[in-house]
Protein backbone atom coordinates (compact mmCIF):
# COMPACT_ATOMS: atom_id res chain seq x y z
CA MET A 1 -15.83 19.15 155.75
CA ARG A 2 -13.67 15.71 154.61
CA LEU A 3 -15.70 13.17 152.52
CA ILE A 4 -15.21 9.80 152.23
CA LEU A 5 -16.73 6.16 150.39
CA THR A 6 -18.63 4.31 152.51
CA ALA A 7 -16.10 1.39 154.14
CA SER A 8 -16.00 -0.80 157.01
CA CYS A 9 -18.59 -1.89 159.05
CA ALA A 10 -19.21 0.83 162.22
CA ALA A 11 -17.42 -1.22 165.13
CA GLY A 12 -19.07 -1.94 168.41
CA LEU A 13 -21.96 -2.24 167.00
CA LEU A 14 -24.37 -5.25 166.99
CA VAL A 15 -26.85 -5.36 164.35
CA VAL A 16 -28.69 -8.99 164.25
CA SER A 17 -28.72 -10.54 160.87
CA ALA A 18 -31.11 -13.04 158.68
CA ALA A 19 -29.36 -14.83 157.01
CA GLY A 20 -27.91 -17.73 158.65
CA PRO A 21 -24.33 -18.11 158.96
CA SER A 22 -23.98 -20.91 155.81
CA ALA A 23 -25.52 -17.72 153.23
CA GLN A 24 -23.83 -16.19 150.86
CA ILE A 25 -22.19 -13.09 151.18
CA GLU A 26 -24.09 -10.59 149.02
CA ARG A 27 -22.03 -7.77 148.08
CA LEU A 28 -23.11 -4.30 149.26
CA PRO A 29 -23.95 -1.36 147.19
CA SER A 30 -21.80 1.71 147.59
CA ALA A 31 -22.25 5.67 147.73
CA ARG A 32 -20.02 8.58 147.54
CA LEU A 33 -20.53 12.40 147.19
CA VAL A 34 -19.95 14.80 144.51
CA PRO A 35 -19.59 17.87 144.71
CA ALA A 36 -22.56 20.42 143.24
CA PRO A 37 -23.95 23.56 143.01
CA PRO A 38 -24.93 24.37 146.23
CA LEU A 39 -28.14 24.36 146.86
CA THR A 40 -30.39 26.07 150.13
CA LEU A 41 -34.29 25.46 150.41
CA PRO A 42 -36.32 28.33 151.88
CA GLY A 43 -36.74 29.09 155.78
CA VAL A 44 -34.75 28.11 158.80
CA ILE A 45 -34.55 24.05 159.57
CA ASP A 46 -34.08 21.59 162.12
CA SER A 47 -35.58 18.18 160.73
CA ASN A 48 -35.82 16.17 157.89
CA ILE A 49 -37.84 17.55 154.77
CA PRO A 50 -40.81 15.29 153.39
CA MET A 51 -41.31 15.89 149.91
CA VAL A 52 -44.32 14.95 147.54
CA TRP A 53 -45.08 15.82 144.32
CA ASP A 54 -49.21 16.38 142.94
CA LEU A 55 -50.94 17.36 140.33
CA VAL A 56 -52.22 20.98 140.21
CA ASP A 57 -54.65 22.40 137.67
CA GLY A 58 -53.03 20.10 135.46
CA SER A 59 -48.94 20.54 136.16
CA TRP A 60 -47.26 18.62 138.80
CA ARG A 61 -45.81 20.73 141.66
CA LEU A 62 -43.28 19.51 144.05
CA PHE A 63 -44.41 19.91 147.78
CA ALA A 64 -42.11 20.09 150.89
CA PHE A 65 -42.53 20.57 154.74
CA THR A 66 -39.42 22.17 156.81
CA SER A 67 -39.92 23.08 160.59
CA TRP A 68 -38.03 24.92 162.70
CA GLY A 69 -38.87 25.21 166.44
CA GLY A 70 -41.63 23.71 166.11
CA THR A 71 -43.32 25.19 163.46
CA PRO A 72 -43.61 23.77 160.09
CA SER A 73 -44.33 25.54 157.14
CA LEU A 74 -45.16 24.53 153.41
CA LEU A 75 -42.85 24.83 150.56
CA ALA A 76 -44.47 24.44 146.76
CA GLY A 77 -42.51 25.01 142.98
CA PRO A 78 -42.54 23.24 139.67
CA ALA A 79 -38.68 21.79 140.82
CA LEU A 80 -36.79 21.07 143.65
CA ASP A 81 -34.94 23.89 142.69
CA GLN A 82 -37.52 26.75 142.50
CA MET A 83 -39.09 26.12 145.47
CA ARG A 84 -40.40 28.83 147.24
CA GLU A 85 -42.28 29.46 150.68
CA SER A 86 -46.50 28.77 150.11
CA GLY A 87 -48.24 29.46 154.23
CA ALA A 88 -47.81 28.30 156.65
CA VAL A 89 -49.54 25.14 157.96
CA THR A 90 -52.07 24.74 161.07
CA LEU A 91 -53.00 21.60 162.83
CA VAL A 92 -56.09 21.10 164.48
CA PRO A 93 -55.91 20.36 167.51
CA ASP A 94 -52.91 21.60 168.14
CA PRO A 95 -51.68 19.41 170.35
CA GLY A 96 -49.04 22.46 172.26
CA ASN A 97 -45.54 22.57 171.92
CA GLY A 98 -44.77 23.08 168.58
CA ILE A 99 -44.63 19.90 165.64
CA TRP A 100 -41.99 19.09 163.38
CA ILE A 101 -43.46 17.14 160.05
CA GLN A 102 -41.47 14.92 159.19
CA SER A 103 -42.47 12.27 157.00
CA VAL A 104 -46.03 12.21 154.35
CA VAL A 105 -47.53 9.98 152.32
CA THR A 106 -50.26 10.10 150.43
CA ASP A 107 -52.91 7.59 149.67
CA GLU A 108 -55.05 7.12 146.45
CA GLY A 109 -57.91 9.20 146.66
CA GLY A 110 -55.61 12.39 147.11
CA THR A 111 -55.33 12.61 151.06
CA TRP A 112 -51.98 13.52 152.60
CA TYR A 113 -50.86 11.65 155.95
CA GLY A 114 -48.07 13.22 158.14
CA TYR A 115 -45.98 11.88 160.75
CA TYR A 116 -44.80 14.36 163.28
CA HIS A 117 -42.30 14.51 165.64
CA HIS A 118 -43.73 16.36 169.08
CA GLU A 119 -41.59 17.34 172.08
CA ARG A 120 -43.27 18.01 175.52
CA PRO A 121 -40.99 19.54 178.06
CA ALA A 122 -40.35 17.29 180.75
CA GLU A 123 -42.49 18.27 183.94
CA GLU A 124 -42.43 15.36 185.19
CA CYS A 125 -38.88 14.95 186.19
CA GLY A 126 -39.23 19.09 187.12
CA ARG A 127 -36.83 19.27 184.49
CA PRO A 128 -38.67 21.85 181.64
CA ASP A 129 -35.76 22.82 180.19
CA ARG A 130 -35.16 19.19 178.55
CA PHE A 131 -37.70 17.14 176.26
CA ILE A 132 -39.56 13.79 176.36
CA LEU A 133 -40.25 12.61 172.23
CA ARG A 134 -43.07 11.09 170.84
CA LEU A 135 -45.49 10.89 167.89
CA GLY A 136 -48.26 11.45 165.96
CA ALA A 137 -50.19 11.63 162.84
CA ALA A 138 -52.00 13.51 161.23
CA ARG A 139 -54.02 14.02 157.71
CA SER A 140 -54.71 17.11 155.10
CA ARG A 141 -56.95 17.22 152.56
CA ASP A 142 -55.60 20.76 151.08
CA ARG A 143 -52.16 19.80 150.19
CA GLY A 144 -50.59 20.70 153.26
CA HIS A 145 -51.52 23.64 154.13
CA THR A 146 -53.99 22.49 157.23
CA TRP A 147 -53.96 18.98 158.69
CA GLU A 148 -56.38 16.80 161.42
CA ASP A 149 -54.77 15.62 164.04
CA LEU A 150 -55.48 11.96 164.49
CA GLY A 151 -53.53 11.87 167.53
CA ILE A 152 -50.54 10.65 169.27
CA ILE A 153 -49.29 7.27 168.22
CA LEU A 154 -46.28 6.51 170.10
CA GLU A 155 -44.78 7.33 173.11
CA ALA A 156 -42.06 5.54 174.99
CA PRO A 157 -43.27 4.33 178.96
CA SER A 158 -42.47 6.70 181.76
CA ASP A 159 -40.26 3.95 184.06
CA THR A 160 -37.71 4.74 180.24
CA LEU A 161 -37.33 8.51 181.12
CA ALA A 162 -33.82 9.11 182.41
CA CYS A 163 -34.51 12.09 184.68
CA ALA A 164 -30.90 12.74 185.27
CA SER A 165 -29.44 12.86 181.87
CA PRO A 166 -26.55 15.21 181.53
CA ASN A 167 -27.91 15.02 177.59
CA LEU A 168 -28.25 18.89 176.24
CA TYR A 169 -31.90 17.95 174.96
CA VAL A 170 -33.68 14.83 175.45
CA ILE A 171 -34.03 12.77 178.46
CA GLY A 172 -36.42 10.12 177.04
CA GLY A 173 -39.10 9.46 174.27
CA VAL A 174 -38.89 8.38 170.82
CA GLY A 175 -38.46 10.69 167.67
CA ASP A 176 -37.34 11.71 164.25
CA VAL A 177 -39.55 8.99 162.60
CA SER A 178 -39.09 8.85 158.65
CA VAL A 179 -41.87 6.03 157.18
CA MET A 180 -42.41 3.97 154.43
CA LEU A 181 -45.52 2.23 152.73
CA THR A 182 -44.73 -0.71 150.76
CA PRO A 183 -44.94 -1.28 147.28
CA ASP A 184 -48.40 -3.21 147.70
CA ARG A 185 -49.47 -0.11 149.80
CA GLN A 186 -50.52 -2.96 152.88
CA ASP A 187 -48.20 -1.78 155.93
CA LEU A 188 -46.41 1.40 156.46
CA TYR A 189 -42.91 0.94 158.54
CA LEU A 190 -41.94 3.58 161.01
CA PHE A 191 -38.64 3.97 161.70
CA PHE A 192 -37.19 6.22 164.53
CA SER A 193 -35.13 7.30 167.12
CA GLN A 194 -35.83 5.44 170.79
CA TYR A 195 -33.99 7.38 173.74
CA SER A 196 -34.53 5.59 176.81
CA LYS A 197 -32.44 5.57 179.68
CA ILE A 198 -31.34 1.69 179.27
CA GLN A 199 -28.41 1.15 176.57
CA THR A 200 -29.73 -1.93 174.74
CA GLU A 201 -33.03 0.24 174.20
CA GLN A 202 -31.28 3.28 172.47
CA GLY A 203 -31.28 3.39 168.83
CA ILE A 204 -33.22 3.19 165.69
CA ALA A 205 -36.33 0.83 166.20
CA VAL A 206 -39.04 0.11 163.92
CA ALA A 207 -43.15 -0.25 164.15
CA ARG A 208 -45.48 -1.07 161.69
CA LEU A 209 -48.79 0.21 160.82
CA ALA A 210 -51.61 -1.83 158.74
CA TRP A 211 -52.13 1.20 155.83
CA ALA A 212 -56.20 0.18 156.41
CA ASP A 213 -55.88 1.78 159.85
CA ARG A 214 -54.28 5.22 158.35
CA ASP A 215 -57.19 7.04 159.75
CA ALA A 216 -57.52 5.60 163.26
CA PRO A 217 -54.22 4.85 164.27
CA VAL A 218 -53.81 5.68 167.86
CA GLY A 219 -53.30 1.78 169.45
CA ARG A 220 -52.75 0.05 166.49
CA LEU A 221 -49.29 0.20 165.72
CA ALA A 222 -46.78 -3.64 165.92
CA MET A 223 -43.47 -3.07 167.33
CA TRP A 224 -40.66 -5.34 166.45
CA VAL A 225 -39.21 -6.82 168.89
CA ALA A 226 -36.45 -9.30 168.91
CA GLY A 227 -37.88 -10.76 165.54
CA ALA A 228 -41.17 -10.29 166.32
CA TRP A 229 -43.78 -7.82 165.57
CA LEU A 230 -45.76 -6.88 169.30
CA PRO A 231 -48.75 -5.18 169.92
CA PRO A 232 -49.32 -2.44 172.64
CA ARG A 233 -51.42 -3.11 176.01
CA ARG A 234 -53.80 -1.17 177.61
CA GLY A 235 -52.67 0.95 180.11
CA THR A 236 -54.39 3.30 183.48
CA PRO A 237 -55.76 6.59 180.78
CA ALA A 238 -54.54 9.73 181.90
CA ALA A 239 -56.88 11.11 184.55
CA GLY A 240 -59.65 13.10 183.30
CA ASP A 241 -59.51 11.32 179.84
CA ASP A 242 -61.56 8.59 179.13
CA ARG A 243 -59.72 7.26 176.47
CA PRO A 244 -56.95 4.38 176.90
CA GLU A 245 -53.75 4.65 177.33
CA TRP A 246 -51.87 2.59 175.05
CA VAL A 247 -47.90 0.81 176.40
CA TYR A 248 -45.23 -0.35 173.84
CA PRO A 249 -42.48 -2.62 174.32
CA ALA A 250 -39.08 -0.76 173.53
CA GLY A 251 -38.16 -1.90 170.12
CA THR A 252 -34.57 -3.75 168.97
CA PRO A 253 -32.64 -1.32 167.74
CA LEU A 254 -31.22 -1.88 164.36
CA ALA A 255 -27.83 -1.02 165.94
CA GLN A 256 -27.05 -1.14 169.56
CA ALA A 257 -25.43 1.92 171.17
CA SER A 258 -21.96 1.32 172.41
CA LYS A 259 -21.79 4.38 174.61
CA PRO A 260 -24.98 5.17 175.64
CA PHE A 261 -26.86 8.94 176.24
CA HIS A 262 -28.20 9.49 179.67
CA ASP A 263 -25.47 7.93 181.72
CA GLU A 264 -22.61 9.99 183.50
CA ALA A 265 -19.73 9.96 180.87
CA PRO A 266 -20.26 12.83 178.55
CA ASP A 267 -19.58 10.95 175.58
CA ALA A 268 -21.91 8.58 173.76
CA ASP A 269 -21.73 6.46 170.17
CA THR A 270 -25.71 6.23 169.28
CA PHE A 271 -27.48 5.88 166.31
CA TRP A 272 -30.35 8.20 165.56
CA GLY A 273 -32.26 10.60 162.96
CA PRO A 274 -32.98 7.85 160.03
CA SER A 275 -33.67 9.25 156.82
CA VAL A 276 -35.29 5.97 154.44
CA HIS A 277 -36.03 5.99 150.53
CA TRP A 278 -36.53 3.21 148.03
CA ASN A 279 -33.85 3.25 145.30
CA ARG A 280 -34.72 2.18 141.96
CA TYR A 281 -31.28 2.04 140.38
CA LEU A 282 -29.85 -0.25 143.64
CA GLU A 283 -33.28 -2.09 143.85
CA ARG A 284 -32.96 -1.62 147.35
CA TYR A 285 -33.98 0.61 150.14
CA VAL A 286 -31.32 3.51 151.53
CA MET A 287 -31.19 4.54 155.42
CA LEU A 288 -29.12 7.94 156.00
CA LEU A 289 -28.89 8.46 159.68
CA ASN A 290 -26.90 10.37 162.49
CA ARG A 291 -24.09 9.04 164.77
CA ALA A 292 -23.82 10.93 168.09
CA ARG A 293 -20.98 11.25 169.90
CA ASP A 294 -21.71 12.87 172.94
CA GLU A 295 -24.61 14.19 174.87
CA GLU A 296 -24.89 17.39 172.70
CA PHE A 297 -25.40 14.99 169.75
CA ASN A 298 -22.01 16.31 168.12
CA ASN A 299 -22.09 13.98 164.72
CA ASP A 300 -19.49 11.19 164.34
CA GLY A 301 -20.39 11.42 161.01
CA ILE A 302 -23.06 10.17 158.42
CA TYR A 303 -23.77 6.62 157.88
CA ILE A 304 -25.55 4.59 155.31
CA SER A 305 -27.01 1.14 155.68
CA TYR A 306 -29.25 -1.07 152.80
CA ALA A 307 -32.16 -3.20 152.98
CA ARG A 308 -33.71 -5.38 150.05
CA THR A 309 -37.34 -5.86 152.07
CA LEU A 310 -38.76 -3.39 154.53
CA GLN A 311 -40.62 -6.61 156.31
CA ASP A 312 -37.80 -7.76 157.83
CA PRO A 313 -35.35 -5.53 160.10
CA ARG A 314 -33.06 -7.98 160.44
CA VAL A 315 -31.87 -7.35 157.01
CA TRP A 316 -30.66 -4.18 157.19
CA THR A 317 -26.40 -4.15 156.84
CA PRO A 318 -24.25 -2.49 159.29
CA PRO A 319 -24.38 1.32 158.89
CA ARG A 320 -21.29 1.95 156.82
CA LYS A 321 -19.49 5.45 157.49
CA LEU A 322 -20.45 7.92 154.20
CA LEU A 323 -19.25 11.23 155.69
CA ASN A 324 -16.72 12.20 158.81
CA HIS A 325 -18.96 14.77 160.92
CA GLY A 326 -21.43 16.94 159.16
CA GLU A 327 -24.74 18.58 159.88
CA TRP A 328 -27.96 16.96 161.29
CA TYR A 329 -30.74 15.25 159.29
CA PRO A 330 -29.25 13.70 156.17
CA GLN A 331 -31.52 12.82 153.23
CA VAL A 332 -31.82 12.45 149.58
CA ALA A 333 -33.71 14.43 146.97
CA GLY A 334 -34.50 12.07 144.14
CA LEU A 335 -33.74 14.20 140.64
CA ASP A 336 -36.44 12.71 138.52
CA PRO A 337 -39.40 14.81 138.12
CA VAL A 338 -42.75 13.73 139.20
CA THR A 339 -41.30 10.71 141.39
CA GLY A 340 -37.97 12.05 142.94
CA THR A 341 -38.55 13.00 146.45
CA ASP A 342 -37.17 11.99 149.79
CA LYS A 343 -38.86 8.65 149.40
CA GLU A 344 -37.64 7.69 146.25
CA ALA A 345 -34.58 8.62 143.97
CA SER A 346 -32.22 6.64 141.22
CA GLN A 347 -28.30 6.61 140.75
CA ARG A 348 -27.62 9.79 141.59
CA ALA A 349 -29.70 12.37 144.16
CA ARG A 350 -29.24 15.22 146.00
CA PHE A 351 -27.65 14.79 149.15
CA PHE A 352 -29.01 17.28 151.74
CA LEU A 353 -28.04 17.99 155.85
CA GLN A 354 -30.17 20.67 157.10
CA GLY A 355 -31.93 21.75 154.12
CA HIS A 356 -28.51 22.60 152.78
CA SER A 357 -27.16 20.94 149.79
CA ARG A 358 -23.59 20.87 148.18
CA HIS A 359 -23.56 17.86 146.93
CA TYR A 360 -24.76 14.70 145.04
CA ILE A 361 -24.95 11.45 146.65
CA GLU A 362 -24.19 8.47 144.12
CA PHE A 363 -24.63 4.76 144.00
CA GLN A 364 -23.07 2.09 142.63
CA ARG A 365 -24.31 -1.33 142.39
């Protein structure tokens, strides 16, 4: 792999800015990758890896979740480089077809809340070999071994499916979620990939959940659409199901696709798979993301974006390239004991791609 420093803004992508034309241009941070002793987390991995510190019998331990093929596993250890497999993960009731636990947040009482990516075969399109993605929530009271399913919290309307898509994996839906809780613990922000058949709806979108609704999140999200936070509407319940179906509007992507998924052309130019953390050194939120260059999700590269606040998605900076090509699922792992995770880091952190780390990522103000 050839390493590069963050450089110019990504061409061909529209990014909405909250700053007016007369606003002062702020100097952006930079980031670089530097060699590090190789580190590979146990197991096989095709997802983001959420991490949580917790106090066990008077000692701090780091927990992490890896997922492969819809089966999550729990890791634990005294430090990032001493992680070991700690057993299977159970979700009850099981929604079927596998889940990928991609983000975990703890509350002040010690309960863990997980946000998962779920894939169901595209039976309604007559294509069970392709998948429709959606997002769910779960709750654990035993440090991640067993989870109570809180339901599917976000899925795309059926009229956004691309049933004839040449995409190798996905023909619609929302997935690949990364969440961040505000410092005042009032709101949870969800950053996720949107795979609508409509080009202007493809890319990274944002939803918001009041943290007070974390135990009953179904139907409680608000989607960021063209500068406003919009709630869902009640749809028609599924046959035999007395629960309402919640229909959400498509979110406005942080950066629009210049070449879409799902058309007749094999190439694409679309951002997906965000990973967001708070960087104490920069005093900014940092997002790492993939940029697909074709319908097989081959990577143009790994990109990076910054924001000072979560409350206004328009302040995210245009994505800049960090690395040419690269594997999927870029993320950091903070190096500070007790605080360093995939959601918090400082000037230097571990840089992971699909569970493998061969580099540190270093930030400069």
